[in-house]
N, C-alpha and C. Protein backbone atom coordinates (compact mmCIF):
# COMPACT_ATOMS: atom_id res chain seq x y z
N MET A 1 0.81 -1.12 -0.26
CA MET A 1 -0.05 0.11 0.05
C MET A 1 0.92 1.15 0.15
N PHE A 2 0.31 2.29 -0.87
CA PHE A 2 0.88 4.00 -0.79
C PHE A 2 1.25 4.13 0.45
N SER A 3 2.57 4.69 0.94
CA SER A 3 2.24 5.57 1.82
C SER A 3 1.86 6.76 1.74
N GLY A 4 1.11 7.53 2.43
CA GLY A 4 0.46 8.94 1.95
C GLY A 4 -1.09 8.88 3.18
N ILE A 5 -1.81 10.30 2.57
CA ILE A 5 -2.72 10.17 3.74
C ILE A 5 -3.86 9.68 2.89
N PRO A 6 -4.86 9.32 3.59
CA PRO A 6 -5.86 8.42 3.25
C PRO A 6 -6.94 9.49 3.05
N VAL A 7 -7.80 9.45 2.22
CA VAL A 7 -8.91 10.10 2.31
C VAL A 7 -10.46 9.68 1.62
N GLU A 8 -10.83 10.36 2.20
CA GLU A 8 -12.50 10.07 2.36
C GLU A 8 -13.31 10.29 1.43
N LEU A 9 -14.07 9.33 0.74
CA LEU A 9 -15.13 9.74 -0.18
C LEU A 9 -15.78 11.13 -0.41
N ALA A 10 -15.88 11.73 0.45
CA ALA A 10 -16.32 13.09 0.47
C ALA A 10 -15.68 14.32 -0.03
N ALA A 11 -14.34 13.83 0.39
CA ALA A 11 -12.97 14.72 0.23
C ALA A 11 -12.84 14.49 -1.44
N MET A 12 -13.17 13.32 -1.76
CA MET A 12 -12.84 12.92 -3.18
C MET A 12 -13.90 13.56 -4.03
N LEU A 13 -15.14 13.78 -3.88
CA LEU A 13 -16.04 14.13 -4.43
C LEU A 13 -15.98 15.57 -4.56
N ALA A 14 -15.58 16.40 -2.86
CA ALA A 14 -15.77 17.72 -3.10
C ALA A 14 -14.78 18.22 -4.31
N ALA A 15 -13.46 17.59 -4.10
CA ALA A 15 -12.40 17.57 -5.37
C ALA A 15 -12.69 18.16 -6.89
N ARG A 16 -13.75 16.77 -6.97
CA ARG A 16 -13.84 16.26 -8.26
C ARG A 16 -14.82 17.55 -8.30
N GLU A 17 -15.53 17.90 -7.50
CA GLU A 17 -16.33 19.18 -7.67
C GLU A 17 -15.57 20.78 -8.17
N GLU A 18 -14.47 20.83 -6.99
CA GLU A 18 -13.71 22.24 -7.30
C GLU A 18 -13.00 21.62 -9.19
N ARG A 19 -12.74 21.07 -9.08
CA ARG A 19 -11.90 21.05 -10.25
C ARG A 19 -12.96 21.05 -11.77
N ALA A 20 -14.55 20.90 -11.12
CA ALA A 20 -15.15 20.95 -12.16
C ALA A 20 -15.16 22.65 -12.68
N ALA A 21 -15.64 22.83 -11.46
CA ALA A 21 -15.74 24.62 -11.29
C ALA A 21 -14.75 25.58 -11.76
N ARG A 22 -13.43 25.06 -11.48
CA ARG A 22 -12.00 25.34 -12.29
C ARG A 22 -11.99 25.22 -13.64
N GLN A 23 -12.30 24.13 -13.86
CA GLN A 23 -12.51 23.79 -15.52
C GLN A 23 -13.83 24.78 -16.37
N ALA A 24 -15.06 25.41 -15.87
CA ALA A 24 -16.23 25.77 -16.42
C ALA A 24 -15.16 27.19 -16.39
N ALA A 25 -14.41 27.69 -15.31
CA ALA A 25 -14.13 29.40 -15.15
C ALA A 25 -13.20 29.52 -16.13
N TRP A 26 -12.27 28.59 -16.38
CA TRP A 26 -11.09 28.51 -17.50
C TRP A 26 -11.25 28.63 -18.51
N LEU A 27 -12.87 27.88 -18.86
CA LEU A 27 -13.39 27.32 -20.54
C LEU A 27 -13.89 29.11 -20.64
N GLU A 28 -14.34 30.00 -19.34
CA GLU A 28 -14.95 30.82 -20.15
C GLU A 28 -13.98 31.84 -19.88
N LYS A 29 -12.44 31.72 -19.25
CA LYS A 29 -11.75 32.97 -19.18
C LYS A 29 -11.11 32.77 -20.32
N TYR A 30 -10.38 31.88 -20.84
CA TYR A 30 -9.74 31.74 -21.91
C TYR A 30 -10.32 30.89 -23.04
N ALA A 31 -11.32 30.40 -23.30
CA ALA A 31 -12.19 30.05 -24.74
C ALA A 31 -11.45 28.95 -25.49
N VAL A 32 -10.34 28.31 -25.00
CA VAL A 32 -9.91 26.85 -25.92
C VAL A 32 -9.82 25.89 -25.19
N PRO A 33 -9.78 24.47 -25.97
CA PRO A 33 -9.72 23.42 -25.32
C PRO A 33 -8.72 23.39 -23.95
N LEU A 34 -9.29 22.74 -23.04
CA LEU A 34 -8.43 22.39 -21.92
C LEU A 34 -8.30 21.19 -21.62
N LEU A 35 -7.02 20.63 -21.09
CA LEU A 35 -6.46 19.28 -20.52
C LEU A 35 -6.06 19.59 -19.05
N SER A 36 -7.38 18.27 -18.59
CA SER A 36 -7.04 18.01 -17.23
C SER A 36 -6.11 16.57 -17.25
N PHE A 37 -5.47 16.60 -16.27
CA PHE A 37 -4.53 15.34 -15.63
C PHE A 37 -4.43 15.30 -14.53
N THR A 38 -4.96 14.16 -13.94
CA THR A 38 -5.16 13.07 -12.99
C THR A 38 -4.06 12.02 -13.25
N LEU A 39 -4.32 11.33 -11.92
CA LEU A 39 -3.54 9.88 -11.83
C LEU A 39 -5.08 9.02 -11.59
N ASN A 40 -4.76 7.62 -12.04
CA ASN A 40 -6.08 6.93 -11.84
C ASN A 40 -5.29 6.30 -10.76
N ILE A 41 -5.99 6.01 -9.58
CA ILE A 41 -5.60 5.38 -8.45
C ILE A 41 -6.49 5.00 -7.43
N PRO A 42 -6.46 3.76 -7.35
CA PRO A 42 -7.88 2.78 -6.34
C PRO A 42 -7.40 3.50 -5.22
N GLY A 43 -8.77 2.64 -4.41
CA GLY A 43 -8.10 3.45 -2.89
C GLY A 43 -7.90 4.46 -2.21
N PRO A 44 -7.85 4.38 -0.41
CA PRO A 44 -8.01 5.78 -0.02
C PRO A 44 -6.76 6.59 -0.14
N VAL A 45 -5.64 6.01 -0.62
CA VAL A 45 -3.98 6.74 -0.85
C VAL A 45 -4.09 7.17 -2.45
N LYS A 46 -4.40 8.64 -2.32
CA LYS A 46 -4.63 9.34 -3.96
C LYS A 46 -2.66 9.85 -4.43
N THR A 47 -2.27 10.34 -3.07
CA THR A 47 -0.97 10.59 -3.59
C THR A 47 0.45 9.99 -2.34
N SER A 48 1.05 10.09 -2.73
CA SER A 48 2.50 9.62 -2.02
C SER A 48 3.74 10.41 -3.36
N PRO A 49 5.16 10.02 -2.18
CA PRO A 49 6.36 11.10 -3.36
C PRO A 49 6.67 9.85 -4.45
N ASP A 50 6.21 8.63 -4.43
CA ASP A 50 6.43 8.27 -5.88
C ASP A 50 5.17 8.73 -6.71
N LEU A 51 4.08 8.45 -6.56
CA LEU A 51 2.95 9.15 -7.22
C LEU A 51 3.40 10.43 -7.92
N ARG A 52 3.62 11.31 -6.98
CA ARG A 52 3.88 12.64 -7.41
C ARG A 52 4.83 12.55 -8.61
N ARG A 53 5.80 11.52 -8.54
CA ARG A 53 6.88 11.60 -8.95
C ARG A 53 6.54 10.89 -10.60
N ALA A 54 5.74 9.85 -10.20
CA ALA A 54 4.66 9.61 -11.91
C ALA A 54 3.97 11.19 -12.51
N PHE A 55 3.04 11.67 -11.60
CA PHE A 55 2.60 12.97 -12.06
C PHE A 55 3.52 13.30 -13.26
N ASP A 56 4.53 14.19 -12.15
CA ASP A 56 5.67 14.68 -13.43
C ASP A 56 6.15 14.76 -14.23
N ALA A 57 6.04 12.82 -14.42
CA ALA A 57 6.73 11.97 -15.48
C ALA A 57 5.39 12.86 -16.92
N GLY A 58 4.73 12.34 -16.09
CA GLY A 58 3.08 12.49 -17.14
C GLY A 58 3.12 13.94 -17.39
N LEU A 59 2.99 14.86 -16.87
CA LEU A 59 3.07 16.21 -17.39
C LEU A 59 4.45 16.48 -18.76
N LEU A 60 5.52 16.11 -17.36
CA LEU A 60 6.91 16.12 -18.34
C LEU A 60 6.64 15.90 -20.07
N ALA A 61 5.69 14.78 -20.17
CA ALA A 61 5.86 13.68 -21.46
C ALA A 61 4.75 14.54 -22.52
N LEU A 62 3.44 15.38 -21.68
CA LEU A 62 2.45 15.88 -21.79
C LEU A 62 3.25 16.99 -22.76
N GLU A 63 3.43 18.01 -22.15
CA GLU A 63 4.42 19.39 -22.44
C GLU A 63 5.18 18.90 -23.61
N ASP A 64 6.10 17.51 -23.74
CA ASP A 64 7.09 17.47 -24.66
C ASP A 64 5.97 17.19 -26.12
N ALA A 65 5.01 16.12 -25.73
CA ALA A 65 4.44 16.25 -26.83
C ALA A 65 3.81 17.31 -27.75
N LEU A 66 3.21 17.90 -26.57
CA LEU A 66 2.66 19.33 -26.94
C LEU A 66 3.39 20.36 -27.65
N GLY A 67 4.72 20.27 -27.17
CA GLY A 67 6.02 20.98 -27.50
C GLY A 67 6.47 20.61 -29.07
N ALA A 68 6.34 19.51 -29.36
CA ALA A 68 6.22 18.58 -30.65
C ALA A 68 5.80 18.87 -31.79
N ALA A 69 4.24 18.91 -30.96
CA ALA A 69 3.20 19.33 -31.89
C ALA A 69 2.55 20.95 -32.04
N GLY A 70 3.78 21.76 -32.00
CA GLY A 70 4.07 23.32 -31.75
C GLY A 70 2.37 23.69 -31.26
N LEU A 71 2.16 23.10 -29.88
CA LEU A 71 1.17 23.70 -29.08
C LEU A 71 1.53 23.88 -27.88
N SER A 72 1.64 25.11 -27.19
CA SER A 72 1.78 25.54 -25.69
C SER A 72 0.64 25.84 -25.32
N PRO A 73 0.71 25.11 -23.77
CA PRO A 73 -0.48 26.04 -23.29
C PRO A 73 -0.42 27.80 -22.82
N THR A 74 -1.56 28.03 -22.82
CA THR A 74 -2.02 29.58 -22.71
C THR A 74 -1.98 29.70 -21.54
N ALA A 75 -2.43 28.87 -20.79
CA ALA A 75 -2.11 28.22 -18.86
C ALA A 75 -1.95 27.47 -18.23
N ARG A 76 -1.82 27.44 -17.35
CA ARG A 76 -1.27 25.79 -16.89
C ARG A 76 -1.33 26.24 -15.45
N THR A 77 -2.51 25.52 -14.71
CA THR A 77 -1.97 25.00 -13.26
C THR A 77 -1.77 23.84 -12.64
N GLU A 78 -0.98 23.75 -11.15
CA GLU A 78 -0.75 22.56 -10.40
C GLU A 78 -1.45 22.86 -9.71
N ILE A 79 -2.57 21.00 -9.01
CA ILE A 79 -2.79 21.27 -7.56
C ILE A 79 -2.35 19.85 -6.94
N HIS A 80 -1.56 20.18 -5.53
CA HIS A 80 -1.01 18.69 -5.32
C HIS A 80 -1.88 18.73 -3.90
N ALA A 81 -2.46 18.02 -3.41
CA ALA A 81 -3.51 17.81 -2.45
C ALA A 81 -3.43 16.13 -2.23
N PRO A 82 -3.87 16.27 -0.77
CA PRO A 82 -4.29 14.93 -0.28
C PRO A 82 -4.83 13.86 -1.40
N THR A 83 -6.35 14.62 -2.19
CA THR A 83 -7.09 14.16 -3.30
C THR A 83 -6.56 13.90 -4.06
N GLY A 84 -5.04 13.92 -4.19
CA GLY A 84 -4.54 13.61 -5.81
C GLY A 84 -3.74 14.49 -6.07
N ASP A 85 -2.86 14.38 -7.38
CA ASP A 85 -2.55 15.57 -7.89
C ASP A 85 -2.62 15.74 -9.29
N GLU A 86 -3.32 17.17 -9.67
CA GLU A 86 -3.81 17.85 -10.46
C GLU A 86 -3.03 18.36 -10.88
N GLY A 87 -3.29 18.72 -12.75
CA GLY A 87 -2.52 19.23 -13.92
C GLY A 87 -3.83 20.03 -14.89
N LEU A 88 -4.27 21.28 -14.99
CA LEU A 88 -4.93 21.99 -15.70
C LEU A 88 -4.19 22.70 -16.93
N LEU A 89 -4.33 22.61 -18.22
CA LEU A 89 -3.76 23.41 -19.39
C LEU A 89 -5.00 23.69 -20.30
N ALA A 90 -4.68 25.17 -20.14
CA ALA A 90 -5.52 26.00 -21.70
C ALA A 90 -4.49 25.89 -22.69
N ILE A 91 -4.95 25.40 -24.21
CA ILE A 91 -4.31 24.61 -24.91
C ILE A 91 -4.86 25.58 -26.45
N ASP A 92 -4.70 26.34 -26.51
CA ASP A 92 -4.84 27.14 -28.06
C ASP A 92 -4.56 26.26 -29.15
N GLY A 93 -5.25 25.19 -29.46
CA GLY A 93 -5.17 24.27 -30.64
C GLY A 93 -6.82 23.55 -30.99
N ASP A 94 -6.30 22.77 -31.99
CA ASP A 94 -7.85 21.83 -31.95
C ASP A 94 -7.60 20.94 -31.19
N ALA A 95 -8.86 20.49 -30.55
CA ALA A 95 -9.30 19.59 -29.00
C ALA A 95 -8.74 18.32 -29.67
N GLU A 96 -9.37 18.03 -30.65
CA GLU A 96 -9.41 16.34 -31.73
C GLU A 96 -7.96 16.08 -31.36
N ALA A 97 -6.94 17.35 -31.95
CA ALA A 97 -5.43 17.09 -31.84
C ALA A 97 -4.60 16.67 -30.76
N ILE A 98 -5.50 17.28 -29.60
CA ILE A 98 -4.57 17.43 -28.25
C ILE A 98 -5.32 16.07 -27.53
N LYS A 99 -6.68 15.75 -27.70
CA LYS A 99 -6.99 14.27 -27.22
C LYS A 99 -6.06 12.74 -28.26
N GLU A 100 -5.47 13.20 -29.18
CA GLU A 100 -4.76 12.13 -30.14
C GLU A 100 -3.82 12.39 -29.08
N ILE A 101 -2.88 13.21 -28.98
CA ILE A 101 -1.73 13.11 -28.30
C ILE A 101 -1.64 12.79 -26.85
N ALA A 102 -3.16 13.34 -25.71
CA ALA A 102 -2.69 12.45 -24.35
C ALA A 102 -3.34 11.36 -24.93
N THR A 103 -4.29 10.87 -25.86
CA THR A 103 -4.39 9.27 -25.85
C THR A 103 -3.12 8.27 -25.59
N ARG A 104 -2.22 8.80 -27.23
CA ARG A 104 -1.26 8.47 -27.31
C ARG A 104 0.01 8.03 -25.80
N ILE A 105 0.17 9.11 -25.41
CA ILE A 105 0.91 9.26 -24.05
C ILE A 105 -0.02 8.00 -22.98
N GLU A 106 -1.45 8.30 -22.84
CA GLU A 106 -1.70 7.07 -21.67
C GLU A 106 -1.73 5.31 -22.38
N GLU A 107 -1.45 5.40 -23.83
CA GLU A 107 -1.44 4.11 -24.29
C GLU A 107 0.40 4.15 -24.23
N GLU A 108 1.45 4.90 -24.37
CA GLU A 108 2.73 4.32 -25.12
C GLU A 108 3.63 4.90 -23.78
N HIS A 109 3.39 5.89 -23.13
CA HIS A 109 4.28 5.48 -21.31
C HIS A 109 4.36 4.82 -20.84
N PRO A 110 5.09 4.43 -20.36
CA PRO A 110 5.58 3.17 -19.28
C PRO A 110 4.47 3.74 -18.33
N LEU A 111 3.95 4.47 -17.69
CA LEU A 111 3.27 5.07 -16.48
C LEU A 111 1.75 5.14 -17.46
N GLY A 112 1.65 5.18 -18.54
CA GLY A 112 0.19 5.70 -19.18
C GLY A 112 -0.74 5.54 -18.54
N ARG A 113 -0.44 4.39 -17.81
CA ARG A 113 -2.00 3.36 -17.75
C ARG A 113 -2.74 4.39 -16.73
N LEU A 114 -1.63 4.76 -15.64
CA LEU A 114 -1.99 5.76 -14.50
C LEU A 114 -2.01 6.39 -15.01
N PHE A 115 -2.17 6.99 -15.87
CA PHE A 115 -2.36 8.74 -16.30
C PHE A 115 -3.72 8.75 -16.91
N ASP A 116 -4.61 9.93 -16.04
CA ASP A 116 -5.90 9.78 -16.69
C ASP A 116 -5.81 11.67 -17.36
N MET A 117 -5.67 11.62 -18.87
CA MET A 117 -6.13 12.80 -18.90
C MET A 117 -7.62 13.44 -20.13
N ASP A 118 -8.02 14.03 -19.43
CA ASP A 118 -9.37 14.48 -20.30
C ASP A 118 -8.92 15.39 -20.93
N VAL A 119 -9.89 15.35 -22.46
CA VAL A 119 -9.74 16.79 -22.90
C VAL A 119 -11.26 17.10 -23.19
N LEU A 120 -10.96 19.01 -22.85
CA LEU A 120 -12.72 19.68 -23.08
C LEU A 120 -12.41 20.61 -23.95
N SER A 121 -13.48 20.53 -24.86
CA SER A 121 -13.48 21.31 -26.28
C SER A 121 -13.74 22.74 -25.85
N ALA A 122 -13.30 23.68 -26.05
CA ALA A 122 -13.99 24.76 -25.96
C ALA A 122 -14.88 25.29 -25.43
N ASP A 123 -16.25 24.44 -26.10
CA ASP A 123 -17.52 24.52 -25.18
C ASP A 123 -18.00 23.96 -24.42
N GLY A 124 -16.75 23.03 -23.97
CA GLY A 124 -17.02 22.31 -22.39
C GLY A 124 -16.90 20.52 -22.95
N THR A 125 -17.33 20.15 -23.89
CA THR A 125 -17.83 18.86 -24.31
C THR A 125 -16.46 18.09 -24.09
N LYS A 126 -16.70 16.92 -23.13
CA LYS A 126 -15.49 16.01 -23.08
C LYS A 126 -15.25 15.04 -24.39
N LEU A 127 -13.87 14.95 -24.50
CA LEU A 127 -14.03 14.65 -25.49
C LEU A 127 -13.72 12.99 -25.42
N SER A 128 -14.20 12.18 -25.89
CA SER A 128 -14.09 10.47 -25.69
C SER A 128 -12.84 9.54 -26.52
N ARG A 129 -12.26 8.69 -25.84
CA ARG A 129 -11.26 7.90 -26.21
C ARG A 129 -12.03 7.15 -27.77
N SER A 130 -10.90 7.18 -28.71
CA SER A 130 -11.55 5.89 -29.94
C SER A 130 -11.35 4.56 -29.51
N VAL A 131 -10.30 4.64 -28.44
CA VAL A 131 -10.01 3.39 -28.38
C VAL A 131 -10.13 2.83 -26.64
N PRO A 132 -11.19 2.19 -26.06
CA PRO A 132 -11.72 2.15 -24.51
C PRO A 132 -10.18 1.68 -23.74
N ARG A 133 -10.17 1.91 -22.79
CA ARG A 133 -9.03 1.62 -21.93
C ARG A 133 -8.72 0.42 -21.55
N ARG A 134 -7.92 -0.09 -21.42
CA ARG A 134 -7.24 -1.64 -21.28
C ARG A 134 -7.06 -1.50 -19.34
N CYS A 135 -7.56 -2.44 -19.03
CA CYS A 135 -7.34 -2.85 -17.41
C CYS A 135 -6.17 -3.05 -17.03
N LEU A 136 -5.81 -2.68 -15.84
CA LEU A 136 -4.13 -2.86 -15.27
C LEU A 136 -3.79 -4.06 -15.35
N LEU A 137 -4.68 -4.49 -15.23
CA LEU A 137 -4.21 -6.11 -14.56
C LEU A 137 -4.44 -7.31 -15.65
N CYS A 138 -5.66 -6.89 -15.96
CA CYS A 138 -6.08 -8.14 -17.53
C CYS A 138 -6.45 -7.20 -18.91
N THR A 139 -6.79 -8.52 -19.74
CA THR A 139 -7.35 -7.77 -21.18
C THR A 139 -8.39 -6.88 -21.50
N GLU A 140 -9.36 -7.02 -20.19
CA GLU A 140 -10.81 -6.65 -20.72
C GLU A 140 -10.46 -4.94 -20.35
N GLN A 141 -11.53 -4.32 -20.71
CA GLN A 141 -12.09 -3.03 -20.84
C GLN A 141 -12.10 -2.43 -19.15
N ALA A 142 -11.29 -1.46 -18.92
CA ALA A 142 -10.79 -0.78 -17.43
C ALA A 142 -12.61 -0.45 -16.73
N GLN A 143 -13.50 0.15 -17.24
CA GLN A 143 -15.08 0.31 -17.22
C GLN A 143 -15.16 -1.10 -16.54
N ASN A 144 -15.50 -1.97 -17.16
CA ASN A 144 -15.95 -2.99 -16.98
C ASN A 144 -15.45 -4.24 -15.83
N CYS A 145 -13.56 -3.90 -15.38
CA CYS A 145 -13.82 -4.31 -14.55
C CYS A 145 -13.96 -3.57 -13.13
N ALA A 146 -13.82 -2.55 -13.29
CA ALA A 146 -14.17 -1.13 -12.42
C ALA A 146 -15.57 -1.59 -11.86
N ARG A 147 -16.44 -1.23 -12.87
CA ARG A 147 -17.66 -1.88 -12.96
C ARG A 147 -18.31 -3.15 -11.66
N SER A 148 -17.56 -3.64 -12.00
CA SER A 148 -17.29 -5.26 -11.61
C SER A 148 -16.84 -5.68 -10.49
N ARG A 149 -15.92 -4.83 -9.93
CA ARG A 149 -14.45 -5.15 -9.17
C ARG A 149 -14.17 -6.22 -9.21
N ARG A 150 -13.96 -6.46 -10.57
CA ARG A 150 -12.95 -7.90 -10.82
C ARG A 150 -11.94 -7.75 -9.80
N HIS A 151 -11.01 -7.46 -9.70
CA HIS A 151 -9.52 -7.14 -9.21
C HIS A 151 -9.84 -6.21 -8.10
N SER A 152 -8.76 -6.37 -6.75
CA SER A 152 -9.61 -6.23 -5.27
C SER A 152 -8.40 -4.97 -5.50
N ILE A 153 -8.77 -3.89 -4.59
CA ILE A 153 -7.52 -2.92 -4.09
C ILE A 153 -6.43 -3.33 -4.19
N ALA A 154 -5.47 -4.46 -3.43
CA ALA A 154 -4.88 -5.12 -3.24
C ALA A 154 -4.05 -5.32 -4.21
N GLU A 155 -4.62 -5.79 -5.36
CA GLU A 155 -4.14 -6.47 -6.45
C GLU A 155 -4.17 -4.99 -7.26
N LEU A 156 -4.96 -4.34 -7.67
CA LEU A 156 -4.22 -2.89 -8.55
C LEU A 156 -3.02 -2.06 -7.91
N THR A 157 -3.49 -2.32 -6.35
CA THR A 157 -2.15 -1.64 -6.06
C THR A 157 -0.58 -2.29 -5.65
N ALA A 158 -0.56 -3.47 -5.67
CA ALA A 158 0.40 -4.20 -6.37
C ALA A 158 1.13 -3.50 -7.40
N GLU A 159 -0.10 -3.94 -8.73
CA GLU A 159 0.09 -3.78 -10.16
C GLU A 159 0.65 -2.42 -9.91
N ILE A 160 0.44 -1.57 -9.47
CA ILE A 160 0.77 0.15 -9.43
C ILE A 160 2.15 -0.15 -8.66
N GLU A 161 2.45 -0.52 -8.15
CA GLU A 161 3.58 -0.20 -7.15
C GLU A 161 4.94 -0.63 -8.06
N ARG A 162 4.51 -2.11 -9.00
CA ARG A 162 5.14 -2.56 -9.85
C ARG A 162 5.38 -1.89 -10.41
N LEU A 163 4.55 -1.12 -11.72
CA LEU A 163 5.21 -0.02 -12.42
C LEU A 163 5.89 1.04 -12.02
N LEU A 164 5.80 1.81 -11.13
CA LEU A 164 6.18 2.93 -10.29
C LEU A 164 7.79 2.26 -10.22
N ALA A 165 8.06 0.92 -9.44
CA ALA A 165 9.45 0.43 -8.76
C ALA A 165 10.06 0.48 -10.53
N THR A 166 9.47 0.02 -11.06
CA THR A 166 10.32 -0.66 -13.01
C THR A 166 10.60 1.01 -13.62
N TYR A 167 9.41 1.86 -13.15
CA TYR A 167 10.01 3.14 -14.13
C TYR A 167 10.47 3.80 -13.12
N LEU A 168 10.25 4.24 -11.62
CA LEU A 168 11.17 5.04 -11.03
C LEU A 168 12.61 4.71 -10.70
C-alpha cells in the first residue's frame, strides 16, 4: 500500500466538484480547449512521493508531446493535495489533436495506464477516447473491471507499485 494520507469519499467528491468548477471558469476565461490531468489511483491513498514523481513524469511527457506538435499552453496550473495531483492546461489548438496526443501518452508511456488526461473542447464537451482503456491487470476494458470490482484494491495497488518501481 502507498504511504500517504488516506482520504474519504466526501473529500474526493469535493475535489471533483472543485475541478469541474475550475474547468468551467477556465473555459469561460480562455475560450480554448482544456486538458485536465490526474492519476488513476484506486483505494484511499491518492498521492505519495512516488505517485507525485509519476505525475511529474506524465506532465513532462505531455508538455514535450504538445511542444513537438507546435502547441503550448496559454495557461497552466498544478494542484497537489491529499485527494491527488492535478494539472490543468488551457491550449489554443484543435481539441481532437490534443486528445490524440493525450491518448497516445496514456497508451505508450511506461506509466501511461496511471494517467488520466481528459480533454474538453472550448465549448466544454468532453472528448471520448477512440479506443477504450484496457484494465491494469487483464485484457478487459477498464470500465467493465471497475464496475464489476473484478480485481481487489490490493491487487491493483500491487501492480501500480510494480509499475512505479520499474519506472522510477
